[in-house]
C-alpha atoms as a PDB file:
ATOM      1  CA  MET A   1     108.449 111.702 -50.307  1.00  0.00           C
ATOM      2  CA  LYS A   2     109.553 110.544 -46.904  1.00  0.00           C
ATOM      3  CA  LYS A   3     111.112 113.064 -44.541  1.00  0.00           C
ATOM      4  CA  GLU A   4     114.787 112.225 -45.031  1.00  0.00           C
ATOM      5  CA  LYS A   5     117.211 111.825 -42.140  1.00  0.00           C
ATOM      6  CA  ILE A   6     119.780 114.586 -42.054  1.00  0.00           C
ATOM      7  CA  LEU A   7     123.356 113.238 -42.611  1.00  0.00           C
ATOM      8  CA  LEU A   8     126.606 115.122 -42.072  1.00  0.00           C
ATOM      9  CA  TRP A   9     129.261 114.756 -44.786  1.00  0.00           C
ATOM     10  CA  LYS A  10     132.674 116.027 -43.696  1.00  0.00           C
ATOM     11  CA  CYS A  11     134.831 117.269 -46.575  1.00  0.00           C
ATOM     12  CA  ARG A  12     137.938 118.787 -45.043  1.00  0.00           C
ATOM     13  CA  GLN A  13     136.921 122.133 -43.535  1.00  0.00           C
ATOM     14  CA  HIS A  14     133.418 121.864 -44.947  1.00  0.00           C
ATOM     15  CA  VAL A  15     130.623 119.988 -43.159  1.00  0.00           C
ATOM     16  CA  LEU A  16     127.603 119.516 -45.453  1.00  0.00           C
ATOM     17  CA  GLU A  17     124.115 118.860 -44.193  1.00  0.00           C
ATOM     18  CA  ILE A  18     122.745 116.179 -46.445  1.00  0.00           C
ATOM     19  CA  GLY A  19     118.981 115.713 -46.436  1.00  0.00           C
ATOM     20  CA  PRO A  20     117.176 119.055 -46.221  1.00  0.00           C
ATOM     21  CA  ARG A  21     117.521 119.255 -49.977  1.00  0.00           C
ATOM     22  CA  PRO A  22     119.514 117.211 -52.490  1.00  0.00           C
ATOM     23  CA  LEU A  23     122.781 118.652 -53.782  1.00  0.00           C
ATOM     24  CA  ILE A  24     123.815 119.206 -57.421  1.00  0.00           C
ATOM     25  CA  MET A  25     127.329 118.115 -58.437  1.00  0.00           C
ATOM     26  CA  GLY A  26     128.319 119.638 -61.766  1.00  0.00           C
ATOM     27  CA  ILE A  27     130.482 117.574 -64.098  1.00  0.00           C
ATOM     28  CA  LEU A  28     133.583 119.287 -65.454  1.00  0.00           C
ATOM     29  CA  ASN A  29     135.543 116.991 -67.746  1.00  0.00           C
ATOM     30  CA  VAL A  30     138.936 118.469 -68.735  1.00  0.00           C
ATOM     31  CA  THR A  31     139.577 115.572 -71.126  1.00  0.00           C
ATOM     32  CA  PRO A  32     139.673 115.139 -74.900  1.00  0.00           C
ATOM     33  CA  ASP A  33     137.658 111.932 -74.901  1.00  0.00           C
ATOM     34  CA  SER A  34     134.843 111.860 -72.318  1.00  0.00           C
ATOM     35  CA  PHE A  35     131.624 110.372 -73.667  1.00  0.00           C
ATOM     36  CA  SER A  36     129.498 113.492 -73.607  1.00  0.00           C
ATOM     37  CA  ASP A  37     131.591 116.649 -73.604  1.00  0.00           C
ATOM     38  CA  GLY A  38     135.077 115.335 -74.375  1.00  0.00           C
ATOM     39  CA  GLY A  39     137.293 118.143 -75.709  1.00  0.00           C
ATOM     40  CA  ARG A  40     134.917 121.062 -74.971  1.00  0.00           C
ATOM     41  CA  PHE A  41     136.726 122.053 -71.795  1.00  0.00           C
ATOM     42  CA  ALA A  42     140.200 120.574 -72.353  1.00  0.00           C
ATOM     43  CA  ASP A  43     141.590 124.101 -72.468  1.00  0.00           C
ATOM     44  CA  PRO A  44     142.091 125.250 -68.808  1.00  0.00           C
ATOM     45  CA  GLN A  45     140.600 128.654 -69.410  1.00  0.00           C
ATOM     46  CA  ALA A  46     137.498 127.231 -70.951  1.00  0.00           C
ATOM     47  CA  ALA A  47     137.218 124.736 -68.094  1.00  0.00           C
ATOM     48  CA  VAL A  48     137.466 127.435 -65.484  1.00  0.00           C
ATOM     49  CA  GLN A  49     134.815 129.575 -67.222  1.00  0.00           C
ATOM     50  CA  ARG A  50     132.523 126.521 -67.368  1.00  0.00           C
ATOM     51  CA  GLY A  51     133.112 125.804 -63.653  1.00  0.00           C
ATOM     52  CA  LEU A  52     132.249 129.385 -62.709  1.00  0.00           C
ATOM     53  CA  GLN A  53     129.149 129.194 -64.872  1.00  0.00           C
ATOM     54  CA  MET A  54     127.995 126.057 -63.124  1.00  0.00           C
ATOM     55  CA  ILE A  55     128.489 127.668 -59.696  1.00  0.00           C
ATOM     56  CA  GLN A  56     126.337 130.635 -60.872  1.00  0.00           C
ATOM     57  CA  GLU A  57     123.705 128.186 -62.133  1.00  0.00           C
ATOM     58  CA  GLY A  58     123.394 126.544 -58.763  1.00  0.00           C
ATOM     59  CA  ALA A  59     125.935 123.761 -58.521  1.00  0.00           C
ATOM     60  CA  ASP A  60     126.804 122.868 -54.944  1.00  0.00           C
ATOM     61  CA  ILE A  61     129.911 120.895 -55.966  1.00  0.00           C
ATOM     62  CA  ILE A  62     132.105 120.927 -59.124  1.00  0.00           C
ATOM     63  CA  ASP A  63     133.592 117.531 -59.967  1.00  0.00           C
ATOM     64  CA  VAL A  64     136.749 117.946 -62.006  1.00  0.00           C
ATOM     65  CA  GLY A  65     138.021 114.956 -63.978  1.00  0.00           C
ATOM     66  CA  GLY A  66     141.132 114.553 -66.060  1.00  0.00           C
ATOM     67  CA  GLU A  67     140.764 110.959 -67.270  1.00  0.00           C
ATOM     68  CA  SER A  68     137.794 109.589 -69.139  1.00  0.00           C
ATOM     69  CA  THR A  69     136.040 106.625 -67.615  1.00  0.00           C
ATOM     70  CA  ARG A  70     133.695 105.962 -70.553  1.00  0.00           C
ATOM     71  CA  PRO A  71     133.437 102.327 -71.670  1.00  0.00           C
ATOM     72  CA  GLY A  72     136.639 101.328 -73.482  1.00  0.00           C
ATOM     73  CA  ALA A  73     138.563 104.454 -72.406  1.00  0.00           C
ATOM     74  CA  ALA A  74     142.342 104.264 -72.427  1.00  0.00           C
ATOM     75  CA  ALA A  75     144.235 105.094 -69.224  1.00  0.00           C
ATOM     76  CA  VAL A  76     146.446 108.197 -68.962  1.00  0.00           C
ATOM     77  CA  SER A  77     149.484 108.759 -66.779  1.00  0.00           C
ATOM     78  CA  ALA A  78     149.283 110.400 -63.396  1.00  0.00           C
ATOM     79  CA  ASP A  79     151.448 113.234 -64.656  1.00  0.00           C
ATOM     80  CA  GLU A  80     149.212 113.955 -67.574  1.00  0.00           C
ATOM     81  CA  GLU A  81     146.021 113.730 -65.453  1.00  0.00           C
ATOM     82  CA  THR A  82     147.584 116.077 -62.833  1.00  0.00           C
ATOM     83  CA  ALA A  83     148.592 118.556 -65.505  1.00  0.00           C
ATOM     84  CA  ARG A  84     144.972 118.638 -66.776  1.00  0.00           C
ATOM     85  CA  VAL A  85     143.184 119.145 -63.446  1.00  0.00           C
ATOM     86  CA  VAL A  86     145.446 121.070 -61.065  1.00  0.00           C
ATOM     87  CA  PRO A  87     145.414 124.421 -62.919  1.00  0.00           C
ATOM     88  CA  VAL A  88     141.603 124.302 -63.136  1.00  0.00           C
ATOM     89  CA  ILE A  89     141.246 123.426 -59.438  1.00  0.00           C
ATOM     90  CA  LEU A  90     143.681 126.161 -58.382  1.00  0.00           C
ATOM     91  CA  ALA A  91     141.669 128.758 -60.313  1.00  0.00           C
ATOM     92  CA  LEU A  92     138.241 127.584 -59.230  1.00  0.00           C
ATOM     93  CA  ALA A  93     139.308 127.298 -55.580  1.00  0.00           C
ATOM     94  CA  LYS A  94     139.511 131.106 -55.508  1.00  0.00           C
ATOM     95  CA  ALA A  95     135.795 131.489 -56.363  1.00  0.00           C
ATOM     96  CA  PRO A  96     133.549 132.350 -53.425  1.00  0.00           C
ATOM     97  CA  GLY A  97     131.539 129.328 -52.298  1.00  0.00           C
ATOM     98  CA  ALA A  98     133.344 126.861 -54.553  1.00  0.00           C
ATOM     99  CA  LEU A  99     133.350 123.295 -53.299  1.00  0.00           C
ATOM    100  CA  LEU A 100     135.513 121.137 -55.522  1.00  0.00           C
ATOM    101  CA  SER A 101     135.841 117.374 -56.105  1.00  0.00           C
ATOM    102  CA  ILE A 102     138.558 115.507 -57.950  1.00  0.00           C
ATOM    103  CA  ASP A 103     137.351 112.554 -60.056  1.00  0.00           C
ATOM    104  CA  THR A 104     140.320 110.187 -60.058  1.00  0.00           C
ATOM    105  CA  MET A 105     141.486 106.681 -59.228  1.00  0.00           C
ATOM    106  CA  LYS A 106     145.079 107.727 -58.663  1.00  0.00           C
ATOM    107  CA  ALA A 107     146.432 108.691 -55.237  1.00  0.00           C
ATOM    108  CA  ALA A 108     149.129 110.993 -56.675  1.00  0.00           C
ATOM    109  CA  VAL A 109     146.511 112.944 -58.617  1.00  0.00           C
ATOM    110  CA  ALA A 110     144.159 113.129 -55.636  1.00  0.00           C
ATOM    111  CA  GLU A 111     146.985 114.378 -53.362  1.00  0.00           C
ATOM    112  CA  ARG A 112     147.918 117.157 -55.768  1.00  0.00           C
ATOM    113  CA  ALA A 113     144.301 118.095 -56.301  1.00  0.00           C
ATOM    114  CA  VAL A 114     143.655 118.338 -52.592  1.00  0.00           C
ATOM    115  CA  GLU A 115     146.720 120.488 -52.154  1.00  0.00           C
ATOM    116  CA  ALA A 116     145.322 122.732 -54.924  1.00  0.00           C
ATOM    117  CA  GLY A 117     141.962 123.125 -53.146  1.00  0.00           C
ATOM    118  CA  ALA A 118     139.782 120.072 -53.778  1.00  0.00           C
ATOM    119  CA  GLN A 119     137.656 118.995 -50.844  1.00  0.00           C
ATOM    120  CA  ILE A 120     136.294 115.655 -52.139  1.00  0.00           C
ATOM    121  CA  VAL A 121     137.870 112.599 -53.812  1.00  0.00           C
ATOM    122  CA  ASN A 122     135.437 110.877 -56.169  1.00  0.00           C
ATOM    123  CA  ASP A 123     136.895 107.450 -56.958  1.00  0.00           C
ATOM    124  CA  VAL A 124     135.076 105.175 -59.446  1.00  0.00           C
ATOM    125  CA  SER A 125     137.007 102.203 -58.056  1.00  0.00           C
ATOM    126  CA  ALA A 126     135.817 102.815 -54.480  1.00  0.00           C
ATOM    127  CA  LEU A 127     139.483 103.350 -53.410  1.00  0.00           C
ATOM    128  CA  THR A 128     140.587  99.900 -54.622  1.00  0.00           C
ATOM    129  CA  HIS A 129     142.560 100.838 -57.763  1.00  0.00           C
ATOM    130  CA  ASP A 130     145.471 102.553 -55.952  1.00  0.00           C
ATOM    131  CA  PRO A 131     146.542 101.101 -52.590  1.00  0.00           C
ATOM    132  CA  ASP A 132     147.722 104.564 -51.445  1.00  0.00           C
ATOM    133  CA  MET A 133     144.387 106.283 -52.056  1.00  0.00           C
ATOM    134  CA  SER A 134     142.869 105.575 -48.638  1.00  0.00           C
ATOM    135  CA  ARG A 135     145.884 107.099 -46.924  1.00  0.00           C
ATOM    136  CA  VAL A 136     145.645 110.258 -49.033  1.00  0.00           C
ATOM    137  CA  ALA A 137     141.937 110.589 -48.379  1.00  0.00           C
ATOM    138  CA  SER A 138     142.213 109.904 -44.613  1.00  0.00           C
ATOM    139  CA  GLU A 139     145.204 112.134 -44.018  1.00  0.00           C
ATOM    140  CA  SER A 140     143.673 115.046 -45.897  1.00  0.00           C
ATOM    141  CA  GLY A 141     140.235 114.726 -44.293  1.00  0.00           C
ATOM    142  CA  ALA A 142     138.682 114.887 -47.705  1.00  0.00           C
ATOM    143  CA  GLY A 143     135.211 113.647 -48.347  1.00  0.00           C
ATOM    144  CA  VAL A 144     135.233 110.483 -50.426  1.00  0.00           C
ATOM    145  CA  ILE A 145     132.702 108.979 -52.935  1.00  0.00           C
ATOM    146  CA  LEU A 146     132.913 105.202 -53.159  1.00  0.00           C
ATOM    147  CA  MET A 147     131.501 104.053 -56.461  1.00  0.00           C
ATOM    148  CA  HIS A 148     130.772 100.540 -57.590  1.00  0.00           C
ATOM    149  CA  MET A 149     132.311  99.431 -60.899  1.00  0.00           C
ATOM    150  CA  GLN A 150     132.458  95.894 -62.240  1.00  0.00           C
ATOM    151  CA  GLY A 151     135.823  95.530 -64.006  1.00  0.00           C
ATOM    152  CA  THR A 152     137.677  98.578 -65.364  1.00  0.00           C
ATOM    153  CA  PRO A 153     136.586 101.322 -67.792  1.00  0.00           C
ATOM    154  CA  ARG A 154     138.209  99.304 -70.575  1.00  0.00           C
ATOM    155  CA  THR A 155     136.391  96.075 -69.770  1.00  0.00           C
ATOM    156  CA  MET A 156     133.338  96.949 -67.695  1.00  0.00           C
ATOM    157  CA  GLN A 157     130.720  96.635 -70.419  1.00  0.00           C
ATOM    158  CA  LYS A 158     131.762  93.163 -71.577  1.00  0.00           C
ATOM    159  CA  GLU A 159     128.870  90.956 -70.408  1.00  0.00           C
ATOM    160  CA  PRO A 160     128.406  92.306 -66.841  1.00  0.00           C
ATOM    161  CA  HIS A 161     126.600  89.811 -64.605  1.00  0.00           C
ATOM    162  CA  TYR A 162     125.141  89.841 -61.083  1.00  0.00           C
ATOM    163  CA  ALA A 163     123.255  87.357 -58.970  1.00  0.00           C
ATOM    164  CA  ASP A 164     121.017  90.228 -57.880  1.00  0.00           C
ATOM    165  CA  VAL A 165     122.201  93.641 -58.992  1.00  0.00           C
ATOM    166  CA  VAL A 166     120.559  95.629 -56.203  1.00  0.00           C
ATOM    167  CA  THR A 167     121.651  93.315 -53.377  1.00  0.00           C
ATOM    168  CA  ASP A 168     125.152  92.711 -54.837  1.00  0.00           C
ATOM    169  CA  ILE A 169     125.939  96.418 -55.130  1.00  0.00           C
ATOM    170  CA  ARG A 170     124.447  97.360 -51.773  1.00  0.00           C
ATOM    171  CA  ASP A 171     126.505  94.608 -50.113  1.00  0.00           C
ATOM    172  CA  TYR A 172     129.649  95.637 -51.968  1.00  0.00           C
ATOM    173  CA  LEU A 173     129.357  99.309 -50.903  1.00  0.00           C
ATOM    174  CA  LYS A 174     128.645  98.273 -47.358  1.00  0.00           C
ATOM    175  CA  ALA A 175     131.767  96.134 -47.336  1.00  0.00           C
ATOM    176  CA  ARG A 176     133.859  98.969 -48.692  1.00  0.00           C
ATOM    177  CA  VAL A 177     132.548 101.442 -46.039  1.00  0.00           C
ATOM    178  CA  ASP A 178     133.145  98.872 -43.277  1.00  0.00           C
ATOM    179  CA  ALA A 179     136.678  98.101 -44.532  1.00  0.00           C
ATOM    180  CA  LEU A 180     137.703 101.731 -44.776  1.00  0.00           C
ATOM    181  CA  VAL A 181     136.270 102.594 -41.369  1.00  0.00           C
ATOM    182  CA  ALA A 182     138.062  99.602 -39.863  1.00  0.00           C
ATOM    183  CA  GLY A 183     141.281 100.949 -41.464  1.00  0.00           C
ATOM    184  CA  GLY A 184     140.852 104.298 -39.693  1.00  0.00           C
ATOM    185  CA  MET A 185     138.797 106.444 -42.122  1.00  0.00           C
ATOM    186  CA  ALA A 186     136.123 108.598 -40.482  1.00  0.00           C
ATOM    187  CA  VAL A 187     132.691 107.273 -41.521  1.00  0.00           C
ATOM    188  CA  GLU A 188     131.402 110.913 -41.671  1.00  0.00           C
ATOM    189  CA  THR A 189     133.653 111.543 -44.746  1.00  0.00           C
ATOM    190  CA  ILE A 190     132.156 108.729 -46.817  1.00  0.00           C
ATOM    191  CA  ALA A 191     129.414 108.832 -49.504  1.00  0.00           C
ATOM    192  CA  VAL A 192     128.372 105.945 -51.808  1.00  0.00           C
ATOM    193  CA  ASP A 193     127.464 105.724 -55.491  1.00  0.00           C
ATOM    194  CA  PRO A 194     125.909 102.661 -57.230  1.00  0.00           C
ATOM    195  CA  GLY A 195     127.861 103.421 -60.438  1.00  0.00           C
ATOM    196  CA  ILE A 196     125.174 103.703 -63.098  1.00  0.00           C
ATOM    197  CA  GLY A 197     126.627 102.584 -66.416  1.00  0.00           C
ATOM    198  CA  PHE A 198     129.771 101.216 -64.931  1.00  0.00           C
ATOM    199  CA  GLY A 199     129.629  97.493 -65.662  1.00  0.00           C
ATOM    200  CA  LYS A 200     125.816  97.336 -65.940  1.00  0.00           C
ATOM    201  CA  THR A 201     123.289  96.517 -68.671  1.00  0.00           C
ATOM    202  CA  VAL A 202     120.250  98.704 -69.346  1.00  0.00           C
ATOM    203  CA  GLU A 203     118.244  96.312 -67.112  1.00  0.00           C
ATOM    204  CA  HIS A 204     120.795  96.520 -64.320  1.00  0.00           C
ATOM    205  CA  ASN A 205     120.724 100.345 -64.423  1.00  0.00           C
ATOM    206  CA  VAL A 206     116.949 100.479 -64.387  1.00  0.00           C
ATOM    207  CA  SER A 207     116.754  98.042 -61.437  1.00  0.00           C
ATOM    208  CA  LEU A 208     119.342 100.002 -59.443  1.00  0.00           C
ATOM    209  CA  LEU A 209     117.530 103.286 -59.966  1.00  0.00           C
ATOM    210  CA  ALA A 210     114.115 101.787 -59.279  1.00  0.00           C
ATOM    211  CA  ASN A 211     115.488 100.531 -55.956  1.00  0.00           C
ATOM    212  CA  VAL A 212     117.923 103.343 -55.151  1.00  0.00           C
ATOM    213  CA  ARG A 213     116.265 103.933 -51.749  1.00  0.00           C
ATOM    214  CA  THR A 214     117.737 100.609 -50.539  1.00  0.00           C
ATOM    215  CA  LEU A 215     121.163 102.309 -50.504  1.00  0.00           C
ATOM    216  CA  THR A 216     120.015 104.814 -47.883  1.00  0.00           C
ATOM    217  CA  ALA A 217     120.071 101.897 -45.394  1.00  0.00           C
ATOM    218  CA  LEU A 218     123.863 102.242 -45.464  1.00  0.00           C
ATOM    219  CA  GLY A 219     123.474 105.463 -43.506  1.00  0.00           C
ATOM    220  CA  ARG A 220     125.698 107.523 -45.782  1.00  0.00           C
ATOM    221  CA  PRO A 221     124.942 110.113 -48.516  1.00  0.00           C
ATOM    222  CA  VAL A 222     123.895 108.425 -51.779  1.00  0.00           C
ATOM    223  CA  VAL A 223     125.332 109.924 -55.034  1.00  0.00           C
ATOM    224  CA  VAL A 224     123.841 109.073 -58.433  1.00  0.00           C
ATOM    225  CA  GLY A 225     125.224 110.008 -61.817  1.00  0.00           C
ATOM    226  CA  LEU A 226     122.897 109.140 -64.670  1.00  0.00           C
ATOM    227  CA  SER A 227     123.196 112.331 -66.715  1.00  0.00           C
ATOM    228  CA  ARG A 228     123.228 111.620 -70.483  1.00  0.00           C
ATOM    229  CA  LYS A 229     124.212 107.958 -69.931  1.00  0.00           C
ATOM    230  CA  SER A 230     123.970 105.481 -72.776  1.00  0.00           C
ATOM    231  CA  PHE A 231     121.179 103.482 -71.102  1.00  0.00           C
ATOM    232  CA  LEU A 232     118.983 106.547 -71.521  1.00  0.00           C
ATOM    233  CA  GLY A 233     119.742 106.520 -75.215  1.00  0.00           C
ATOM    234  CA  LYS A 234     118.862 102.832 -75.423  1.00  0.00           C
ATOM    235  CA  LEU A 235     115.588 103.468 -73.624  1.00  0.00           C
ATOM    236  CA  THR A 236     114.589 106.515 -75.679  1.00  0.00           C
ATOM    237  CA  GLY A 237     116.528 106.218 -78.947  1.00  0.00           C
ATOM    238  CA  CYS A 238     118.086 109.641 -78.378  1.00  0.00           C
ATOM    239  CA  GLU A 239     121.709 110.484 -79.022  1.00  0.00           C
ATOM    240  CA  VAL A 240     123.938 111.832 -76.248  1.00  0.00           C
ATOM    241  CA  ASP A 241     123.251 115.510 -76.960  1.00  0.00           C
ATOM    242  CA  ASP A 242     119.490 114.941 -76.898  1.00  0.00           C
ATOM    243  CA  ARG A 243     119.189 113.295 -73.498  1.00  0.00           C
ATOM    244  CA  LEU A 244     118.306 116.256 -71.297  1.00  0.00           C
ATOM    245  CA  ALA A 245     114.636 115.313 -70.844  1.00  0.00           C
ATOM    246  CA  SER A 246     115.436 111.696 -69.976  1.00  0.00           C
ATOM    247  CA  SER A 247     118.207 112.781 -67.636  1.00  0.00           C
ATOM    248  CA  LEU A 248     115.854 115.131 -65.796  1.00  0.00           C
ATOM    249  CA  ALA A 249     113.203 112.382 -65.561  1.00  0.00           C
ATOM    250  CA  GLY A 250     115.751 110.108 -63.876  1.00  0.00           C
ATOM    251  CA  LEU A 251     116.926 112.923 -61.673  1.00  0.00           C
ATOM    252  CA  VAL A 252     113.430 113.691 -60.351  1.00  0.00           C
ATOM    253  CA  PHE A 253     112.755 110.012 -59.675  1.00  0.00           C
ATOM    254  CA  CYS A 254     115.976 109.751 -57.703  1.00  0.00           C
ATOM    255  CA  ILE A 255     115.208 112.904 -55.692  1.00  0.00           C
ATOM    256  CA  LEU A 256     111.810 111.514 -54.737  1.00  0.00           C
ATOM    257  CA  ASN A 257     113.404 108.235 -53.683  1.00  0.00           C
ATOM    258  CA  GLY A 258     116.014 109.408 -51.226  1.00  0.00           C
ATOM    259  CA  THR A 259     119.084 110.243 -53.350  1.00  0.00           C
ATOM    260  CA  HIS A 260     121.166 112.982 -51.758  1.00  0.00           C
ATOM    261  CA  ILE A 261     123.579 114.149 -54.468  1.00  0.00           C
ATOM    262  CA  LEU A 262     122.930 114.260 -58.222  1.00  0.00           C
ATOM    263  CA  ARG A 263     125.949 114.332 -60.606  1.00  0.00           C
ATOM    264  CA  VAL A 264     124.894 116.229 -63.739  1.00  0.00           C
ATOM    265  CA  HIS A 265     126.056 117.927 -66.921  1.00  0.00           C
ATOM    266  CA  ASP A 266     123.183 120.361 -67.179  1.00  0.00           C
ATOM    267  CA  VAL A 267     123.256 122.325 -63.959  1.00  0.00           C
ATOM    268  CA  LYS A 268     120.717 125.049 -64.668  1.00  0.00           C
ATOM    269  CA  GLU A 269     118.031 122.691 -65.838  1.00  0.00           C
ATOM    270  CA  SER A 270     118.738 120.150 -63.095  1.00  0.00           C
ATOM    271  CA  ARG A 271     118.555 122.843 -60.433  1.00  0.00           C
ATOM    272  CA  GLN A 272     115.145 123.898 -61.713  1.00  0.00           C
ATOM    273  CA  ALA A 273     113.851 120.368 -61.747  1.00  0.00           C
ATOM    274  CA  LEU A 274     115.179 119.702 -58.260  1.00  0.00           C
ATOM    275  CA  THR A 275     113.597 122.922 -56.877  1.00  0.00           C
ATOM    276  CA  VAL A 276     110.170 122.078 -58.268  1.00  0.00           C
ATOM    277  CA  ALA A 277     110.288 118.383 -57.254  1.00  0.00           C
ATOM    278  CA  THR A 278     111.354 119.149 -53.662  1.00  0.00           C
ATOM    279  CA  ALA A 279     108.779 121.901 -53.265  1.00  0.00           C
ATOM    280  CA  LEU A 280     105.929 119.658 -54.427  1.00  0.00           C
ATOM    281  CA  ALA A 281     107.116 116.727 -52.311  1.00  0.00           C
ATOM    282  CA  SER A 282     107.471 118.942 -49.253  1.00  0.00           C
ATOM    283  CA  ALA A 283     103.993 120.365 -49.639  1.00  0.00           C
ATOM    284  CA  LYS A 284     102.502 116.886 -49.977  1.00  0.00           C
ATOM    285  CA  SER A 285     104.220 115.605 -46.822  1.00  0.00           C
END
């Protein structure tokens, strides 16, 4: 594994050093219909307990989402999404060492979440869905994750097509970074995500992951979320609750190829895999 350049990621009052070791972002869906754990943590108390558990298991960031973005998912109102996420963020923000992210495309939800204690805005539309989102992110100083998605959650898996998936997505993310910086956003607040499973076939996902290091040329932290995704099921024949091994295989490959932040459901197991992979790679180098 190459010695990675250390990047700084500014997330409000936090400044994260990205590079000495990859970070684990734990997924906390407070929704009734997410593809993997929908309904398990829809109750705020259950969600808070799960968030605290992930922090204890080694999550560096907790990503709280109140609207499912699985293929075909229906949209929910900003009021409903806010009601789902804000009580959870308020409670988790009191935990020592908690660094919280809000997974939303809506500026109104992001604004309320940041007021409640979120430090990062994770937007699957790369801040294009809501024209007010870039203002909210810039004024708050929140870290932002710009993710690539072809279409919308409702339409994204209807015959996705690219001229060259790796080049197309790299160029798209570069264009979004450049546009936001030109609009006044601090480049140090930006991270990028190729959007595994968001408007991609199995072959697209495999090509993106196989060439994930190309995204490091953008000079910003690279986030990958492949945990339990359907393409793993298509490769292995395993149902969603039986994709831990394939998720960890993808995670280790990404770690060894320059990915900085891994978005995962299974924090304890992912932390163990990350620890061993980075120790072996460091010893080799």
